[in-house]
Amino acid sequence: MKKMTINKVSGESITVLDEDDTDILDYSKQASSIMEASNVTLVETSEKILIVRPHSIESIEVSEIKVDKEKGEEIEDDEDIKEVEEHIDIITDGE
């Protein structure tokens, strides 16, 4: 499962979960296309659909997480530390 946090220029952030099985690098490349759009764009995940303005996004953080399907909660264990280390930040160049 992927966790995507969209950090807005205003300082607010939006976090969504996605049950996508795509490799994290490929998933991150797909997420980066949001910032390349010239107008309002849709971000569709298994959890929800977001309508975003790319110029209001400062960065997007994508990480792989484990979720207890019965409880619907992130699993807290030693592996979580490794997952955090493996996350990929996609940061704009100020444009």
PDB file of N, CA and C in Angstrom:
ATOM      1  N   MET A   1       0.847  -1.176   0.000  1.00  0.00           N
ATOM      2  CA  MET A   1       0.000   0.000   0.000  1.00  0.00           C
ATOM      3  C   MET A   1       0.891   1.237   0.000  1.00  0.00           C
ATOM      4  N   LYS A   2       0.472   2.242  -0.726  1.00  0.00           N
ATOM      5  CA  LYS A   2       1.224   3.492  -0.800  1.00  0.00           C
ATOM      6  C   LYS A   2       0.531   4.566   0.043  1.00  0.00           C
ATOM      7  N   LYS A   3       1.342   5.424   0.613  1.00  0.00           N
ATOM      8  CA  LYS A   3       0.849   6.587   1.342  1.00  0.00           C
ATOM      9  C   LYS A   3       1.403   7.809   0.622  1.00  0.00           C
ATOM     10  N   MET A   4       0.520   8.675   0.154  1.00  0.00           N
ATOM     11  CA  MET A   4       0.938   9.880  -0.576  1.00  0.00           C
ATOM     12  C   MET A   4       0.525  11.102   0.234  1.00  0.00           C
ATOM     13  N   THR A   5       1.497  11.946   0.523  1.00  0.00           N
ATOM     14  CA  THR A   5       1.218  13.198   1.212  1.00  0.00           C
ATOM     15  C   THR A   5       1.543  14.335   0.262  1.00  0.00           C
ATOM     16  N   ILE A   6       0.533  15.137  -0.035  1.00  0.00           N
ATOM     17  CA  ILE A   6       0.696  16.301  -0.910  1.00  0.00           C
ATOM     18  C   ILE A   6       0.847  17.513  -0.008  1.00  0.00           C
ATOM     19  N   ASN A   7       2.020  18.139  -0.062  1.00  0.00           N
ATOM     20  CA  ASN A   7       2.296  19.326   0.743  1.00  0.00           C
ATOM     21  C   ASN A   7       2.040  20.569  -0.096  1.00  0.00           C
ATOM     22  N   LYS A   8       1.112  21.385   0.393  1.00  0.00           N
ATOM     23  CA  LYS A   8       0.726  22.583  -0.351  1.00  0.00           C
ATOM     24  C   LYS A   8       1.615  23.768   0.009  1.00  0.00           C
ATOM     25  N   VAL A   9       1.668  24.733  -0.870  1.00  0.00           N
ATOM     26  CA  VAL A   9       2.447  25.949  -0.660  1.00  0.00           C
ATOM     27  C   VAL A   9       1.982  26.663   0.609  1.00  0.00           C
ATOM     28  N   SER A  10       0.698  26.553   0.936  1.00  0.00           N
ATOM     29  CA  SER A  10       0.126  27.215   2.108  1.00  0.00           C
ATOM     30  C   SER A  10       0.574  26.591   3.423  1.00  0.00           C
ATOM     31  N   GLY A  11       1.265  25.440   3.359  1.00  0.00           N
ATOM     32  CA  GLY A  11       1.713  24.764   4.566  1.00  0.00           C
ATOM     33  C   GLY A  11       0.806  23.610   4.972  1.00  0.00           C
ATOM     34  N   GLU A  12      -0.366  23.536   4.394  1.00  0.00           N
ATOM     35  CA  GLU A  12      -1.285  22.437   4.674  1.00  0.00           C
ATOM     36  C   GLU A  12      -0.815  21.197   3.922  1.00  0.00           C
ATOM     37  N   SER A  13      -1.263  20.021   4.374  1.00  0.00           N
ATOM     38  CA  SER A  13      -0.944  18.795   3.645  1.00  0.00           C
ATOM     39  C   SER A  13      -2.182  17.911   3.566  1.00  0.00           C
ATOM     40  N   ILE A  14      -2.212  17.101   2.532  1.00  0.00           N
ATOM     41  CA  ILE A  14      -3.294  16.146   2.296  1.00  0.00           C
ATOM     42  C   ILE A  14      -2.640  14.774   2.179  1.00  0.00           C
ATOM     43  N   THR A  15      -3.108  13.812   2.974  1.00  0.00           N
ATOM     44  CA  THR A  15      -2.557  12.463   2.922  1.00  0.00           C
ATOM     45  C   THR A  15      -3.634  11.494   2.464  1.00  0.00           C
ATOM     46  N   VAL A  16      -3.284  10.657   1.499  1.00  0.00           N
ATOM     47  CA  VAL A  16      -4.206   9.634   1.000  1.00  0.00           C
ATOM     48  C   VAL A  16      -3.472   8.301   0.932  1.00  0.00           C
ATOM     49  N   LEU A  17      -4.247   7.231   1.049  1.00  0.00           N
ATOM     50  CA  LEU A  17      -3.718   5.882   0.906  1.00  0.00           C
ATOM     51  C   LEU A  17      -4.152   5.327  -0.437  1.00  0.00           C
ATOM     52  N   ASP A  18      -3.313   4.473  -1.005  1.00  0.00           N
ATOM     53  CA  ASP A  18      -3.630   3.871  -2.295  1.00  0.00           C
ATOM     54  C   ASP A  18      -3.187   2.413  -2.282  1.00  0.00           C
ATOM     55  N   GLU A  19      -4.084   1.513  -2.630  1.00  0.00           N
ATOM     56  CA  GLU A  19      -3.783   0.084  -2.637  1.00  0.00           C
ATOM     57  C   GLU A  19      -3.103  -0.358  -3.936  1.00  0.00           C
ATOM     58  N   ASP A  20      -2.350   0.503  -4.530  1.00  0.00           N
ATOM     59  CA  ASP A  20      -1.643   0.229  -5.781  1.00  0.00           C
ATOM     60  C   ASP A  20      -0.433  -0.669  -5.522  1.00  0.00           C
ATOM     61  N   ASP A  21      -0.232  -1.674  -6.369  1.00  0.00           N
ATOM     62  CA  ASP A  21       0.892  -2.599  -6.218  1.00  0.00           C
ATOM     63  C   ASP A  21       2.110  -2.210  -7.049  1.00  0.00           C
ATOM     64  N   THR A  22       2.047  -1.075  -7.713  1.00  0.00           N
ATOM     65  CA  THR A  22       3.151  -0.600  -8.540  1.00  0.00           C
ATOM     66  C   THR A  22       4.403  -0.397  -7.688  1.00  0.00           C
ATOM     67  N   ASP A  23       5.560  -0.668  -8.268  1.00  0.00           N
ATOM     68  CA  ASP A  23       6.839  -0.397  -7.619  1.00  0.00           C
ATOM     69  C   ASP A  23       6.857   1.063  -7.157  1.00  0.00           C
ATOM     70  N   ILE A  24       7.450   1.330  -5.989  1.00  0.00           N
ATOM     71  CA  ILE A  24       7.404   2.678  -5.407  1.00  0.00           C
ATOM     72  C   ILE A  24       8.067   3.724  -6.313  1.00  0.00           C
ATOM     73  N   LEU A  25       9.124   3.358  -7.025  1.00  0.00           N
ATOM     74  CA  LEU A  25       9.777   4.316  -7.921  1.00  0.00           C
ATOM     75  C   LEU A  25       8.850   4.680  -9.077  1.00  0.00           C
ATOM     76  N   ASP A  26       8.234   3.686  -9.703  1.00  0.00           N
ATOM     77  CA  ASP A  26       7.302   3.954 -10.799  1.00  0.00           C
ATOM     78  C   ASP A  26       6.086   4.737 -10.308  1.00  0.00           C
ATOM     79  N   TYR A  27       5.597   4.390  -9.129  1.00  0.00           N
ATOM     80  CA  TYR A  27       4.449   5.097  -8.552  1.00  0.00           C
ATOM     81  C   TYR A  27       4.805   6.567  -8.318  1.00  0.00           C
ATOM     82  N   SER A  28       6.016   6.804  -7.816  1.00  0.00           N
ATOM     83  CA  SER A  28       6.465   8.178  -7.558  1.00  0.00           C
ATOM     84  C   SER A  28       6.594   8.973  -8.847  1.00  0.00           C
ATOM     85  N   LYS A  29       7.067   8.312  -9.903  1.00  0.00           N
ATOM     86  CA  LYS A  29       7.157   8.992 -11.205  1.00  0.00           C
ATOM     87  C   LYS A  29       5.770   9.379 -11.699  1.00  0.00           C
ATOM     88  N   GLN A  30       4.795   8.484 -11.501  1.00  0.00           N
ATOM     89  CA  GLN A  30       3.410   8.808 -11.886  1.00  0.00           C
ATOM     90  C   GLN A  30       2.896   9.991 -11.065  1.00  0.00           C
ATOM     91  N   ALA A  31       3.205   9.992  -9.769  1.00  0.00           N
ATOM     92  CA  ALA A  31       2.762  11.086  -8.898  1.00  0.00           C
ATOM     93  C   ALA A  31       3.396  12.411  -9.313  1.00  0.00           C
ATOM     94  N   SER A  32       4.626  12.363  -9.785  1.00  0.00           N
ATOM     95  CA  SER A  32       5.304  13.605 -10.175  1.00  0.00           C
ATOM     96  C   SER A  32       4.638  14.263 -11.379  1.00  0.00           C
ATOM     97  N   SER A  33       3.933  13.486 -12.179  1.00  0.00           N
ATOM     98  CA  SER A  33       3.246  14.061 -13.339  1.00  0.00           C
ATOM     99  C   SER A  33       2.164  15.050 -12.920  1.00  0.00           C
ATOM    100  N   ILE A  34       1.693  14.933 -11.689  1.00  0.00           N
ATOM    101  CA  ILE A  34       0.708  15.889 -11.159  1.00  0.00           C
ATOM    102  C   ILE A  34       1.280  17.298 -11.224  1.00  0.00           C
ATOM    103  N   MET A  35       2.546  17.419 -10.869  1.00  0.00           N
ATOM    104  CA  MET A  35       3.175  18.734 -10.792  1.00  0.00           C
ATOM    105  C   MET A  35       3.526  19.289 -12.160  1.00  0.00           C
ATOM    106  N   GLU A  36       3.550  18.439 -13.167  1.00  0.00           N
ATOM    107  CA  GLU A  36       3.849  18.881 -14.528  1.00  0.00           C
ATOM    108  C   GLU A  36       2.621  19.395 -15.256  1.00  0.00           C
ATOM    109  N   ALA A  37       1.442  19.110 -14.720  1.00  0.00           N
ATOM    110  CA  ALA A  37       0.207  19.548 -15.365  1.00  0.00           C
ATOM    111  C   ALA A  37       0.114  21.068 -15.351  1.00  0.00           C
ATOM    112  N   SER A  38      -0.514  21.629 -16.366  1.00  0.00           N
ATOM    113  CA  SER A  38      -0.609  23.085 -16.454  1.00  0.00           C
ATOM    114  C   SER A  38      -1.908  23.631 -15.869  1.00  0.00           C
ATOM    115  N   ASN A  39      -2.817  22.738 -15.528  1.00  0.00           N
ATOM    116  CA  ASN A  39      -4.118  23.176 -15.035  1.00  0.00           C
ATOM    117  C   ASN A  39      -4.594  22.228 -13.940  1.00  0.00           C
ATOM    118  N   VAL A  40      -5.806  22.429 -13.485  1.00  0.00           N
ATOM    119  CA  VAL A  40      -6.404  21.554 -12.477  1.00  0.00           C
ATOM    120  C   VAL A  40      -6.351  20.116 -12.967  1.00  0.00           C
ATOM    121  N   THR A  41      -5.990  19.198 -12.070  1.00  0.00           N
ATOM    122  CA  THR A  41      -5.875  17.791 -12.448  1.00  0.00           C
ATOM    123  C   THR A  41      -6.506  16.899 -11.386  1.00  0.00           C
ATOM    124  N   LEU A  42      -6.866  15.694 -11.779  1.00  0.00           N
ATOM    125  CA  LEU A  42      -7.443  14.717 -10.864  1.00  0.00           C
ATOM    126  C   LEU A  42      -6.354  13.773 -10.387  1.00  0.00           C
ATOM    127  N   VAL A  43      -6.356  13.490  -9.092  1.00  0.00           N
ATOM    128  CA  VAL A  43      -5.471  12.500  -8.505  1.00  0.00           C
ATOM    129  C   VAL A  43      -6.376  11.395  -7.991  1.00  0.00           C
ATOM    130  N   GLU A  44      -6.341  10.257  -8.678  1.00  0.00           N
ATOM    131  CA  GLU A  44      -7.231   9.160  -8.326  1.00  0.00           C
ATOM    132  C   GLU A  44      -6.455   8.075  -7.579  1.00  0.00           C
ATOM    133  N   THR A  45      -6.924   7.754  -6.375  1.00  0.00           N
ATOM    134  CA  THR A  45      -6.360   6.660  -5.597  1.00  0.00           C
ATOM    135  C   THR A  45      -7.489   5.697  -5.258  1.00  0.00           C
ATOM    136  N   SER A  46      -7.145   4.572  -4.648  1.00  0.00           N
ATOM    137  CA  SER A  46      -8.186   3.623  -4.260  1.00  0.00           C
ATOM    138  C   SER A  46      -9.049   4.170  -3.134  1.00  0.00           C
ATOM    139  N   GLU A  47      -8.550   5.168  -2.422  1.00  0.00           N
ATOM    140  CA  GLU A  47      -9.277   5.750  -1.295  1.00  0.00           C
ATOM    141  C   GLU A  47     -10.220   6.875  -1.708  1.00  0.00           C
ATOM    142  N   LYS A  48      -9.767   7.733  -2.618  1.00  0.00           N
ATOM    143  CA  LYS A  48     -10.563   8.902  -3.019  1.00  0.00           C
ATOM    144  C   LYS A  48      -9.997   9.530  -4.275  1.00  0.00           C
ATOM    145  N   ILE A  49     -10.714  10.489  -4.792  1.00  0.00           N
ATOM    146  CA  ILE A  49     -10.244  11.276  -5.932  1.00  0.00           C
ATOM    147  C   ILE A  49     -10.071  12.712  -5.454  1.00  0.00           C
ATOM    148  N   LEU A  50      -8.887  13.267  -5.694  1.00  0.00           N
ATOM    149  CA  LEU A  50      -8.607  14.656  -5.331  1.00  0.00           C
ATOM    150  C   LEU A  50      -8.573  15.501  -6.588  1.00  0.00           C
ATOM    151  N   ILE A  51      -9.061  16.711  -6.483  1.00  0.00           N
ATOM    152  CA  ILE A  51      -8.959  17.695  -7.560  1.00  0.00           C
ATOM    153  C   ILE A  51      -7.950  18.730  -7.062  1.00  0.00           C
ATOM    154  N   VAL A  52      -6.812  18.827  -7.759  1.00  0.00           N
ATOM    155  CA  VAL A  52      -5.740  19.700  -7.281  1.00  0.00           C
ATOM    156  C   VAL A  52      -5.283  20.683  -8.352  1.00  0.00           C
ATOM    157  N   ARG A  53      -4.739  21.777  -7.873  1.00  0.00           N
ATOM    158  CA  ARG A  53      -4.093  22.760  -8.741  1.00  0.00           C
ATOM    159  C   ARG A  53      -2.584  22.565  -8.587  1.00  0.00           C
ATOM    160  N   PRO A  54      -1.917  22.135  -9.622  1.00  0.00           N
ATOM    161  CA  PRO A  54      -0.486  21.835  -9.517  1.00  0.00           C
ATOM    162  C   PRO A  54       0.362  22.992  -8.996  1.00  0.00           C
ATOM    163  N   HIS A  55      -0.003  24.229  -9.328  1.00  0.00           N
ATOM    164  CA  HIS A  55       0.818  25.360  -8.886  1.00  0.00           C
ATOM    165  C   HIS A  55       0.719  25.597  -7.375  1.00  0.00           C
ATOM    166  N   SER A  56      -0.246  24.952  -6.706  1.00  0.00           N
ATOM    167  CA  SER A  56      -0.374  25.117  -5.258  1.00  0.00           C
ATOM    168  C   SER A  56       0.350  24.014  -4.486  1.00  0.00           C
ATOM    169  N   ILE A  57       1.012  23.093  -5.198  1.00  0.00           N
ATOM    170  CA  ILE A  57       1.719  21.979  -4.558  1.00  0.00           C
ATOM    171  C   ILE A  57       3.198  22.313  -4.439  1.00  0.00           C
ATOM    172  N   GLU A  58       3.715  22.171  -3.219  1.00  0.00           N
ATOM    173  CA  GLU A  58       5.142  22.396  -3.003  1.00  0.00           C
ATOM    174  C   GLU A  58       5.936  21.098  -3.161  1.00  0.00           C
ATOM    175  N   SER A  59       5.401  20.002  -2.641  1.00  0.00           N
ATOM    176  CA  SER A  59       6.082  18.714  -2.760  1.00  0.00           C
ATOM    177  C   SER A  59       5.085  17.578  -2.566  1.00  0.00           C
ATOM    178  N   ILE A  60       5.515  16.388  -2.980  1.00  0.00           N
ATOM    179  CA  ILE A  60       4.715  15.184  -2.803  1.00  0.00           C
ATOM    180  C   ILE A  60       5.622  14.126  -2.205  1.00  0.00           C
ATOM    181  N   GLU A  61       5.195  13.521  -1.102  1.00  0.00           N
ATOM    182  CA  GLU A  61       5.959  12.457  -0.473  1.00  0.00           C
ATOM    183  C   GLU A  61       5.207  11.147  -0.672  1.00  0.00           C
ATOM    184  N   VAL A  62       5.915  10.136  -1.151  1.00  0.00           N
ATOM    185  CA  VAL A  62       5.320   8.823  -1.380  1.00  0.00           C
ATOM    186  C   VAL A  62       6.096   7.805  -0.558  1.00  0.00           C
ATOM    187  N   SER A  63       5.380   6.958   0.175  1.00  0.00           N
ATOM    188  CA  SER A  63       6.045   5.905   0.938  1.00  0.00           C
ATOM    189  C   SER A  63       5.229   4.622   0.870  1.00  0.00           C
ATOM    190  N   GLU A  64       5.924   3.519   1.071  1.00  0.00           N
ATOM    191  CA  GLU A  64       5.290   2.203   1.110  1.00  0.00           C
ATOM    192  C   GLU A  64       4.957   1.917   2.561  1.00  0.00           C
ATOM    193  N   ILE A  65       3.728   1.525   2.845  1.00  0.00           N
ATOM    194  CA  ILE A  65       3.343   1.224   4.223  1.00  0.00           C
ATOM    195  C   ILE A  65       2.670  -0.135   4.299  1.00  0.00           C
ATOM    196  N   LYS A  66       2.630  -0.674   5.505  1.00  0.00           N
ATOM    197  CA  LYS A  66       1.898  -1.902   5.776  1.00  0.00           C
ATOM    198  C   LYS A  66       0.671  -1.534   6.598  1.00  0.00           C
ATOM    199  N   VAL A  67      -0.456  -2.132   6.259  1.00  0.00           N
ATOM    200  CA  VAL A  67      -1.698  -1.832   6.958  1.00  0.00           C
ATOM    201  C   VAL A  67      -2.332  -3.124   7.431  1.00  0.00           C
ATOM    202  N   ASP A  68      -2.795  -3.126   8.676  1.00  0.00           N
ATOM    203  CA  ASP A  68      -3.564  -4.249   9.214  1.00  0.00           C
ATOM    204  C   ASP A  68      -4.949  -4.148   8.596  1.00  0.00           C
ATOM    205  N   LYS A  69      -5.261  -5.050   7.677  1.00  0.00           N
ATOM    206  CA  LYS A  69      -6.527  -4.960   6.928  1.00  0.00           C
ATOM    207  C   LYS A  69      -7.742  -5.086   7.829  1.00  0.00           C
ATOM    208  N   GLU A  70      -7.631  -5.833   8.932  1.00  0.00           N
ATOM    209  CA  GLU A  70      -8.764  -5.990   9.842  1.00  0.00           C
ATOM    210  C   GLU A  70      -9.048  -4.706  10.612  1.00  0.00           C
ATOM    211  N   LYS A  71      -7.980  -4.057  11.076  1.00  0.00           N
ATOM    212  CA  LYS A  71      -8.132  -2.836  11.874  1.00  0.00           C
ATOM    213  C   LYS A  71      -8.109  -1.573  11.025  1.00  0.00           C
ATOM    214  N   GLY A  72      -7.553  -1.669   9.818  1.00  0.00           N
ATOM    215  CA  GLY A  72      -7.427  -0.501   8.965  1.00  0.00           C
ATOM    216  C   GLY A  72      -6.406   0.487   9.477  1.00  0.00           C
ATOM    217  N   GLU A  73      -5.396  -0.006  10.214  1.00  0.00           N
ATOM    218  CA  GLU A  73      -4.381   0.865  10.806  1.00  0.00           C
ATOM    219  C   GLU A  73      -3.000   0.481  10.290  1.00  0.00           C
ATOM    220  N   GLU A  74      -2.088   1.455  10.301  1.00  0.00           N
ATOM    221  CA  GLU A  74      -0.704   1.164   9.939  1.00  0.00           C
ATOM    222  C   GLU A  74      -0.108   0.229  10.972  1.00  0.00           C
ATOM    223  N   ILE A  75       0.720  -0.712  10.512  1.00  0.00           N
ATOM    224  CA  ILE A  75       1.368  -1.648  11.420  1.00  0.00           C
ATOM    225  C   ILE A  75       2.621  -0.997  11.980  1.00  0.00           C
ATOM    226  N   GLU A  76       2.725  -0.982  13.291  1.00  0.00           N
ATOM    227  CA  GLU A  76       3.880  -0.407  13.970  1.00  0.00           C
ATOM    228  C   GLU A  76       4.828  -1.530  14.353  1.00  0.00           C
ATOM    229  N   ASP A  77       5.966  -1.635  13.703  1.00  0.00           N
ATOM    230  CA  ASP A  77       6.989  -2.606  14.076  1.00  0.00           C
ATOM    231  C   ASP A  77       8.338  -2.133  13.570  1.00  0.00           C
ATOM    232  N   ASP A  78       9.356  -2.938  13.763  1.00  0.00           N
ATOM    233  CA  ASP A  78      10.706  -2.548  13.355  1.00  0.00           C
ATOM    234  C   ASP A  78      10.817  -2.312  11.860  1.00  0.00           C
ATOM    235  N   GLU A  79       9.979  -2.988  11.080  1.00  0.00           N
ATOM    236  CA  GLU A  79      10.008  -2.814   9.635  1.00  0.00           C
ATOM    237  C   GLU A  79       9.579  -1.410   9.242  1.00  0.00           C
ATOM    238  N   ASP A  80       8.741  -0.750  10.079  1.00  0.00           N
ATOM    239  CA  ASP A  80       8.293   0.604   9.755  1.00  0.00           C
ATOM    240  C   ASP A  80       9.467   1.563   9.645  1.00  0.00           C
ATOM    241  N   ILE A  81      10.488   1.358  10.458  1.00  0.00           N
ATOM    242  CA  ILE A  81      11.669   2.231  10.389  1.00  0.00           C
ATOM    243  C   ILE A  81      12.313   2.097   9.016  1.00  0.00           C
ATOM    244  N   LYS A  82      12.428   0.872   8.527  1.00  0.00           N
ATOM    245  CA  LYS A  82      13.003   0.646   7.207  1.00  0.00           C
ATOM    246  C   LYS A  82      12.130   1.284   6.131  1.00  0.00           C
ATOM    247  N   GLU A  83      10.793   1.178   6.285  1.00  0.00           N
ATOM    248  CA  GLU A  83       9.883   1.764   5.298  1.00  0.00           C
ATOM    249  C   GLU A  83      10.066   3.275   5.212  1.00  0.00           C
ATOM    250  N   VAL A  84      10.206   3.913   6.352  1.00  0.00           N
ATOM    251  CA  VAL A  84      10.384   5.371   6.361  1.00  0.00           C
ATOM    252  C   VAL A  84      11.670   5.735   5.649  1.00  0.00           C
ATOM    253  N   GLU A  85      12.711   4.940   5.859  1.00  0.00           N
ATOM    254  CA  GLU A  85      13.987   5.214   5.204  1.00  0.00           C
ATOM    255  C   GLU A  85      13.893   5.026   3.701  1.00  0.00           C
ATOM    256  N   GLU A  86      12.952   4.200   3.243  1.00  0.00           N
ATOM    257  CA  GLU A  86      12.841   3.920   1.823  1.00  0.00           C
ATOM    258  C   GLU A  86      11.913   4.897   1.091  1.00  0.00           C
ATOM    259  N   HIS A  87      11.312   5.828   1.814  1.00  0.00           N
ATOM    260  CA  HIS A  87      10.369   6.730   1.139  1.00  0.00           C
ATOM    261  C   HIS A  87      11.104   7.632   0.149  1.00  0.00           C
ATOM    262  N   ILE A  88      10.338   8.138  -0.769  1.00  0.00           N
ATOM    263  CA  ILE A  88      10.910   8.986  -1.822  1.00  0.00           C
ATOM    264  C   ILE A  88      10.195  10.329  -1.789  1.00  0.00           C
ATOM    265  N   ASP A  89      10.947  11.390  -1.716  1.00  0.00           N
ATOM    266  CA  ASP A  89      10.379  12.731  -1.766  1.00  0.00           C
ATOM    267  C   ASP A  89      10.527  13.260  -3.182  1.00  0.00           C
ATOM    268  N   ILE A  90       9.456  13.826  -3.672  1.00  0.00           N
ATOM    269  CA  ILE A  90       9.496  14.482  -4.964  1.00  0.00           C
ATOM    270  C   ILE A  90       9.297  15.960  -4.667  1.00  0.00           C
ATOM    271  N   ILE A  91      10.306  16.759  -4.932  1.00  0.00           N
ATOM    272  CA  ILE A  91      10.261  18.167  -4.547  1.00  0.00           C
ATOM    273  C   ILE A  91      10.392  19.030  -5.797  1.00  0.00           C
ATOM    274  N   THR A  92       9.607  20.069  -5.843  1.00  0.00           N
ATOM    275  CA  THR A  92       9.671  20.961  -7.001  1.00  0.00           C
ATOM    276  C   THR A  92      10.961  21.752  -6.986  1.00  0.00           C
ATOM    277  N   ASP A  93      11.259  22.330  -8.121  1.00  0.00           N
ATOM    278  CA  ASP A  93      12.455  23.171  -8.210  1.00  0.00           C
ATOM    279  C   ASP A  93      12.079  24.645  -8.069  1.00  0.00           C
ATOM    280  N   GLY A  94      10.930  24.919  -7.450  1.00  0.00           N
ATOM    281  CA  GLY A  94      10.537  26.295  -7.190  1.00  0.00           C
ATOM    282  C   GLY A  94       9.666  26.897  -8.260  1.00  0.00           C
ATOM    283  N   GLU A  95       9.319  26.145  -9.290  1.00  0.00           N
ATOM    284  CA  GLU A  95       8.506  26.675 -10.371  1.00  0.00           C
ATOM    285  C   GLU A  95       7.036  26.502 -10.057  1.00  0.00           C
TER     286      GLU A  95
END
